[in-house]
Amino acid sequence: MRPLSHLEESDCIARAQRGEVAAFSELVARYQDRIYRFLFRMTRSQEDARELAQETFLNAYQALPRWRPDAQLSTWLFRIARNQALDLLRRAQRVAFVELDETLSEQVPADTPTPEAALQARQRIEALEGALQRLSVEHREILLLRDIEDMAYEDIAEVLGISLGTVKSRIARARAGLLQLMPR
């Protein structure tokens, strides 16, 4: 079997829809990290995120023969993942958010100029994390999709099943709410 990483996404999808397992595996390889990160940030649990990611791709595999390219595959996968996460959060009656210092610490350069600067950065991250924890789920998820996953507004509308205008206003409200919750 030859690797399929060179294939265009549409070719991979068509092959997977015809039952080619290797083609679906290639699609999983292309999206698993993004889906896992999103689920981890929604659930705050590595174990839950891994399980939900598996469920997401299993559901996608089962529904793939009926999938039509009306939307991008990524938005479809994020919608499945979002539904999985919301179901879990509802069942567990818990709403949590991943600590930002885990993800942002990887982005902070190793050569921080002074210990004072490192402390200030850590305090800003903790303040942001605290503010994000107090946001509603709908505001957190929209900020995750836009600002962390860098999704286009149209794709967010597709994932969340809302209009483009609602996406824009919800992002504005979420950002305003976040600013209000940040310490001064």
C-alpha atoms as a PDB file:
ATOM      1  CA  MET A   1       0.000   0.000   0.000  1.00  0.00           C
ATOM      2  CA  ARG A   2       1.394   3.392  -0.892  1.00  0.00           C
ATOM      3  CA  PRO A   3       0.991   6.400   1.386  1.00  0.00           C
ATOM      4  CA  LEU A   4      -1.923   8.676   0.617  1.00  0.00           C
ATOM      5  CA  SER A   5      -0.551  11.877   2.129  1.00  0.00           C
ATOM      6  CA  HIS A   6       0.060  13.273  -1.353  1.00  0.00           C
ATOM      7  CA  LEU A   7      -3.641  13.116  -2.268  1.00  0.00           C
ATOM      8  CA  GLU A   8      -5.920  16.126  -2.317  1.00  0.00           C
ATOM      9  CA  GLU A   9      -8.527  16.057   0.431  1.00  0.00           C
ATOM     10  CA  SER A  10     -11.378  15.581  -2.053  1.00  0.00           C
ATOM     11  CA  ASP A  11      -9.655  12.498  -3.524  1.00  0.00           C
ATOM     12  CA  CYS A  12      -9.087  11.094  -0.051  1.00  0.00           C
ATOM     13  CA  ILE A  13     -12.749  11.646   0.825  1.00  0.00           C
ATOM     14  CA  ALA A  14     -13.959  10.012  -2.385  1.00  0.00           C
ATOM     15  CA  ARG A  15     -11.766   6.968  -1.749  1.00  0.00           C
ATOM     16  CA  ALA A  16     -12.889   6.759   1.865  1.00  0.00           C
ATOM     17  CA  GLN A  17     -16.520   6.965   0.786  1.00  0.00           C
ATOM     18  CA  ARG A  18     -15.897   3.987  -1.479  1.00  0.00           C
ATOM     19  CA  GLY A  19     -14.702   2.067   1.581  1.00  0.00           C
ATOM     20  CA  GLU A  20     -10.944   2.509   1.323  1.00  0.00           C
ATOM     21  CA  VAL A  21      -9.834   2.332   4.957  1.00  0.00           C
ATOM     22  CA  ALA A  22      -6.370   3.720   4.214  1.00  0.00           C
ATOM     23  CA  ALA A  23      -7.933   6.859   2.743  1.00  0.00           C
ATOM     24  CA  PHE A  24     -10.034   7.403   5.869  1.00  0.00           C
ATOM     25  CA  SER A  25      -6.941   6.811   8.008  1.00  0.00           C
ATOM     26  CA  GLU A  26      -5.217   9.576   6.070  1.00  0.00           C
ATOM     27  CA  LEU A  27      -8.122  11.926   6.807  1.00  0.00           C
ATOM     28  CA  VAL A  28      -7.907  11.039  10.495  1.00  0.00           C
ATOM     29  CA  ALA A  29      -4.166  11.731  10.450  1.00  0.00           C
ATOM     30  CA  ARG A  30      -4.802  15.152   8.923  1.00  0.00           C
ATOM     31  CA  TYR A  31      -7.410  16.232  11.503  1.00  0.00           C
ATOM     32  CA  GLN A  32      -6.826  14.258  14.690  1.00  0.00           C
ATOM     33  CA  ASP A  33      -4.542  16.785  16.383  1.00  0.00           C
ATOM     34  CA  ARG A  34      -6.881  19.744  15.830  1.00  0.00           C
ATOM     35  CA  ILE A  35      -9.947  17.777  16.910  1.00  0.00           C
ATOM     36  CA  TYR A  36      -8.153  16.462  19.998  1.00  0.00           C
ATOM     37  CA  ARG A  37      -6.946  19.949  21.012  1.00  0.00           C
ATOM     38  CA  PHE A  38     -10.446  21.366  20.637  1.00  0.00           C
ATOM     39  CA  LEU A  39     -11.955  18.540  22.679  1.00  0.00           C
ATOM     40  CA  PHE A  40      -9.258  18.820  25.338  1.00  0.00           C
ATOM     41  CA  ARG A  41      -9.939  22.523  25.741  1.00  0.00           C
ATOM     42  CA  MET A  42     -13.669  21.869  25.976  1.00  0.00           C
ATOM     43  CA  THR A  43     -13.481  18.979  28.462  1.00  0.00           C
ATOM     44  CA  ARG A  44     -10.231  19.726  30.316  1.00  0.00           C
ATOM     45  CA  SER A  45      -9.493  16.014  30.357  1.00  0.00           C
ATOM     46  CA  GLN A  46      -6.964  14.163  28.230  1.00  0.00           C
ATOM     47  CA  GLU A  47      -8.828  10.899  28.712  1.00  0.00           C
ATOM     48  CA  ASP A  48     -12.195  12.388  27.740  1.00  0.00           C
ATOM     49  CA  ALA A  49     -10.647  14.210  24.784  1.00  0.00           C
ATOM     50  CA  ARG A  50      -9.042  10.996  23.490  1.00  0.00           C
ATOM     51  CA  GLU A  51     -12.281   9.068  23.877  1.00  0.00           C
ATOM     52  CA  LEU A  52     -14.369  11.802  22.272  1.00  0.00           C
ATOM     53  CA  ALA A  53     -11.908  12.132  19.398  1.00  0.00           C
ATOM     54  CA  GLN A  54     -12.246   8.404  18.748  1.00  0.00           C
ATOM     55  CA  GLU A  55     -16.039   8.698  18.894  1.00  0.00           C
ATOM     56  CA  THR A  56     -15.908  11.686  16.562  1.00  0.00           C
ATOM     57  CA  PHE A  57     -13.951   9.789  13.922  1.00  0.00           C
ATOM     58  CA  LEU A  58     -16.039   6.637  14.398  1.00  0.00           C
ATOM     59  CA  ASN A  59     -19.230   8.655  13.852  1.00  0.00           C
ATOM     60  CA  ALA A  60     -17.639  10.355  10.858  1.00  0.00           C
ATOM     61  CA  TYR A  61     -16.587   6.999   9.392  1.00  0.00           C
ATOM     62  CA  GLN A  62     -20.097   5.620   9.776  1.00  0.00           C
ATOM     63  CA  ALA A  63     -21.704   8.726   8.246  1.00  0.00           C
ATOM     64  CA  LEU A  64     -19.099   9.325   5.543  1.00  0.00           C
ATOM     65  CA  PRO A  65     -20.953   7.440   2.774  1.00  0.00           C
ATOM     66  CA  ARG A  66     -23.851   9.889   3.222  1.00  0.00           C
ATOM     67  CA  TRP A  67     -21.648  13.008   3.543  1.00  0.00           C
ATOM     68  CA  ARG A  68     -21.957  15.527   0.755  1.00  0.00           C
ATOM     69  CA  PRO A  69     -19.366  18.228   0.096  1.00  0.00           C
ATOM     70  CA  ASP A  70     -21.827  21.041   0.892  1.00  0.00           C
ATOM     71  CA  ALA A  71     -19.477  22.015   3.699  1.00  0.00           C
ATOM     72  CA  GLN A  72     -15.799  21.506   4.330  1.00  0.00           C
ATOM     73  CA  LEU A  73     -14.814  18.243   5.947  1.00  0.00           C
ATOM     74  CA  SER A  74     -13.128  20.136   8.784  1.00  0.00           C
ATOM     75  CA  THR A  75     -16.317  21.985   9.733  1.00  0.00           C
ATOM     76  CA  TRP A  76     -18.280  18.729   9.655  1.00  0.00           C
ATOM     77  CA  LEU A  77     -15.716  17.036  11.915  1.00  0.00           C
ATOM     78  CA  PHE A  78     -15.682  19.970  14.344  1.00  0.00           C
ATOM     79  CA  ARG A  79     -19.470  19.880  14.492  1.00  0.00           C
ATOM     80  CA  ILE A  80     -19.408  16.188  15.374  1.00  0.00           C
ATOM     81  CA  ALA A  81     -16.681  16.824  17.971  1.00  0.00           C
ATOM     82  CA  ARG A  82     -18.582  19.757  19.462  1.00  0.00           C
ATOM     83  CA  ASN A  83     -21.734  17.690  19.812  1.00  0.00           C
ATOM     84  CA  GLN A  84     -19.748  14.909  21.479  1.00  0.00           C
ATOM     85  CA  ALA A  85     -18.202  17.362  23.947  1.00  0.00           C
ATOM     86  CA  LEU A  86     -21.484  19.074  24.774  1.00  0.00           C
ATOM     87  CA  ASP A  87     -23.153  15.702  25.360  1.00  0.00           C
ATOM     88  CA  LEU A  88     -20.371  14.700  27.743  1.00  0.00           C
ATOM     89  CA  LEU A  89     -20.497  18.016  29.591  1.00  0.00           C
ATOM     90  CA  ARG A  90     -24.272  17.775  29.937  1.00  0.00           C
ATOM     91  CA  ARG A  91     -24.064  14.192  31.201  1.00  0.00           C
ATOM     92  CA  ALA A  92     -21.358  15.070  33.681  1.00  0.00           C
ATOM     93  CA  GLN A  93     -23.039  18.374  34.559  1.00  0.00           C
ATOM     94  CA  ARG A  94     -19.690  20.035  34.527  1.00  0.00           C
ATOM     95  CA  VAL A  95     -18.456  22.896  32.493  1.00  0.00           C
ATOM     96  CA  ALA A  96     -14.705  23.330  32.574  1.00  0.00           C
ATOM     97  CA  PHE A  97     -12.043  24.962  30.493  1.00  0.00           C
ATOM     98  CA  VAL A  98      -8.477  23.910  29.843  1.00  0.00           C
ATOM     99  CA  GLU A  99      -5.760  25.819  31.600  1.00  0.00           C
ATOM    100  CA  LEU A 100      -4.157  28.136  29.120  1.00  0.00           C
ATOM    101  CA  ASP A 101      -0.722  27.918  30.679  1.00  0.00           C
ATOM    102  CA  GLU A 102      -0.428  24.342  29.385  1.00  0.00           C
ATOM    103  CA  THR A 103      -0.891  25.402  25.782  1.00  0.00           C
ATOM    104  CA  LEU A 104       0.649  28.849  25.961  1.00  0.00           C
ATOM    105  CA  SER A 105       3.754  27.751  27.827  1.00  0.00           C
ATOM    106  CA  GLU A 106       4.812  25.943  24.668  1.00  0.00           C
ATOM    107  CA  GLN A 107       4.543  29.231  22.765  1.00  0.00           C
ATOM    108  CA  VAL A 108       6.477  31.373  25.262  1.00  0.00           C
ATOM    109  CA  PRO A 109      10.122  31.641  24.216  1.00  0.00           C
ATOM    110  CA  ALA A 110      12.585  29.844  26.473  1.00  0.00           C
ATOM    111  CA  ASP A 111      14.721  32.971  26.815  1.00  0.00           C
ATOM    112  CA  THR A 112      12.283  35.146  28.778  1.00  0.00           C
ATOM    113  CA  PRO A 113      14.308  38.257  29.634  1.00  0.00           C
ATOM    114  CA  THR A 114      13.785  38.402  33.396  1.00  0.00           C
ATOM    115  CA  PRO A 115      12.066  36.472  36.164  1.00  0.00           C
ATOM    116  CA  GLU A 116       9.809  39.504  36.661  1.00  0.00           C
ATOM    117  CA  ALA A 117       8.666  39.325  33.044  1.00  0.00           C
ATOM    118  CA  ALA A 118       7.997  35.591  33.427  1.00  0.00           C
ATOM    119  CA  LEU A 119       5.949  36.246  36.565  1.00  0.00           C
ATOM    120  CA  GLN A 120       3.941  38.966  34.842  1.00  0.00           C
ATOM    121  CA  ALA A 121       3.272  36.678  31.882  1.00  0.00           C
ATOM    122  CA  ARG A 122       2.170  33.882  34.200  1.00  0.00           C
ATOM    123  CA  GLN A 123      -0.152  36.267  36.057  1.00  0.00           C
ATOM    124  CA  ARG A 124      -1.692  37.450  32.779  1.00  0.00           C
ATOM    125  CA  ILE A 125      -2.263  33.845  31.693  1.00  0.00           C
ATOM    126  CA  GLU A 126      -3.845  32.980  35.048  1.00  0.00           C
ATOM    127  CA  ALA A 127      -6.099  36.041  34.860  1.00  0.00           C
ATOM    128  CA  LEU A 128      -7.155  35.136  31.325  1.00  0.00           C
ATOM    129  CA  GLU A 129      -7.758  31.533  32.337  1.00  0.00           C
ATOM    130  CA  GLY A 130      -9.900  32.627  35.270  1.00  0.00           C
ATOM    131  CA  ALA A 131     -11.929  34.945  33.079  1.00  0.00           C
ATOM    132  CA  LEU A 132     -12.433  32.231  30.452  1.00  0.00           C
ATOM    133  CA  GLN A 133     -13.659  29.788  33.106  1.00  0.00           C
ATOM    134  CA  ARG A 134     -16.419  32.217  34.019  1.00  0.00           C
ATOM    135  CA  LEU A 135     -17.675  32.584  30.425  1.00  0.00           C
ATOM    136  CA  SER A 136     -20.665  30.570  29.260  1.00  0.00           C
ATOM    137  CA  VAL A 137     -20.024  27.439  27.194  1.00  0.00           C
ATOM    138  CA  GLU A 138     -21.361  29.116  24.043  1.00  0.00           C
ATOM    139  CA  HIS A 139     -18.934  32.014  24.471  1.00  0.00           C
ATOM    140  CA  ARG A 140     -15.968  29.768  25.275  1.00  0.00           C
ATOM    141  CA  GLU A 141     -16.567  27.475  22.314  1.00  0.00           C
ATOM    142  CA  ILE A 142     -16.880  30.358  19.867  1.00  0.00           C
ATOM    143  CA  LEU A 143     -13.644  31.924  21.156  1.00  0.00           C
ATOM    144  CA  LEU A 144     -11.903  28.547  20.886  1.00  0.00           C
ATOM    145  CA  LEU A 145     -13.026  28.069  17.300  1.00  0.00           C
ATOM    146  CA  ARG A 146     -12.175  31.617  16.213  1.00  0.00           C
ATOM    147  CA  ASP A 147      -9.139  32.616  18.227  1.00  0.00           C
ATOM    148  CA  ILE A 148      -7.499  29.264  18.964  1.00  0.00           C
ATOM    149  CA  GLU A 149      -8.466  27.165  15.918  1.00  0.00           C
ATOM    150  CA  ASP A 150      -8.422  30.241  13.649  1.00  0.00           C
ATOM    151  CA  MET A 151     -11.615  29.171  11.868  1.00  0.00           C
ATOM    152  CA  ALA A 152     -13.299  31.452   9.382  1.00  0.00           C
ATOM    153  CA  TYR A 153     -16.631  32.941  10.454  1.00  0.00           C
ATOM    154  CA  GLU A 154     -18.465  30.928   7.790  1.00  0.00           C
ATOM    155  CA  ASP A 155     -16.963  27.690   9.083  1.00  0.00           C
ATOM    156  CA  ILE A 156     -17.877  28.564  12.665  1.00  0.00           C
ATOM    157  CA  ALA A 157     -21.457  29.181  11.539  1.00  0.00           C
ATOM    158  CA  GLU A 158     -21.477  25.738   9.944  1.00  0.00           C
ATOM    159  CA  VAL A 159     -19.968  24.007  12.993  1.00  0.00           C
ATOM    160  CA  LEU A 160     -22.356  25.661  15.445  1.00  0.00           C
ATOM    161  CA  GLY A 161     -25.385  25.599  13.161  1.00  0.00           C
ATOM    162  CA  ILE A 162     -26.011  29.340  13.485  1.00  0.00           C
ATOM    163  CA  SER A 163     -26.130  32.258  11.054  1.00  0.00           C
ATOM    164  CA  LEU A 164     -23.093  34.301  10.090  1.00  0.00           C
ATOM    165  CA  GLY A 165     -24.552  37.361  11.807  1.00  0.00           C
ATOM    166  CA  THR A 166     -25.024  35.371  15.017  1.00  0.00           C
ATOM    167  CA  VAL A 167     -21.397  34.232  14.841  1.00  0.00           C
ATOM    168  CA  LYS A 168     -20.188  37.806  14.556  1.00  0.00           C
ATOM    169  CA  SER A 169     -22.366  39.114  17.361  1.00  0.00           C
ATOM    170  CA  ARG A 170     -21.586  36.144  19.628  1.00  0.00           C
ATOM    171  CA  ILE A 171     -17.847  36.636  19.115  1.00  0.00           C
ATOM    172  CA  ALA A 172     -18.214  40.332  19.915  1.00  0.00           C
ATOM    173  CA  ARG A 173     -20.253  39.538  23.059  1.00  0.00           C
ATOM    174  CA  ALA A 174     -17.803  36.817  24.113  1.00  0.00           C
ATOM    175  CA  ARG A 175     -14.809  39.125  23.715  1.00  0.00           C
ATOM    176  CA  ALA A 176     -16.595  41.948  25.544  1.00  0.00           C
ATOM    177  CA  GLY A 177     -17.551  39.546  28.324  1.00  0.00           C
ATOM    178  CA  LEU A 178     -13.996  38.315  28.561  1.00  0.00           C
ATOM    179  CA  LEU A 179     -12.671  41.874  28.817  1.00  0.00           C
ATOM    180  CA  GLN A 180     -15.148  42.657  31.600  1.00  0.00           C
ATOM    181  CA  LEU A 181     -14.037  39.588  33.532  1.00  0.00           C
ATOM    182  CA  MET A 182     -10.334  40.422  33.239  1.00  0.00           C
ATOM    183  CA  PRO A 183      -8.823  42.097  36.293  1.00  0.00           C
ATOM    184  CA  ARG A 184      -7.669  45.636  35.751  1.00  0.00           C
END
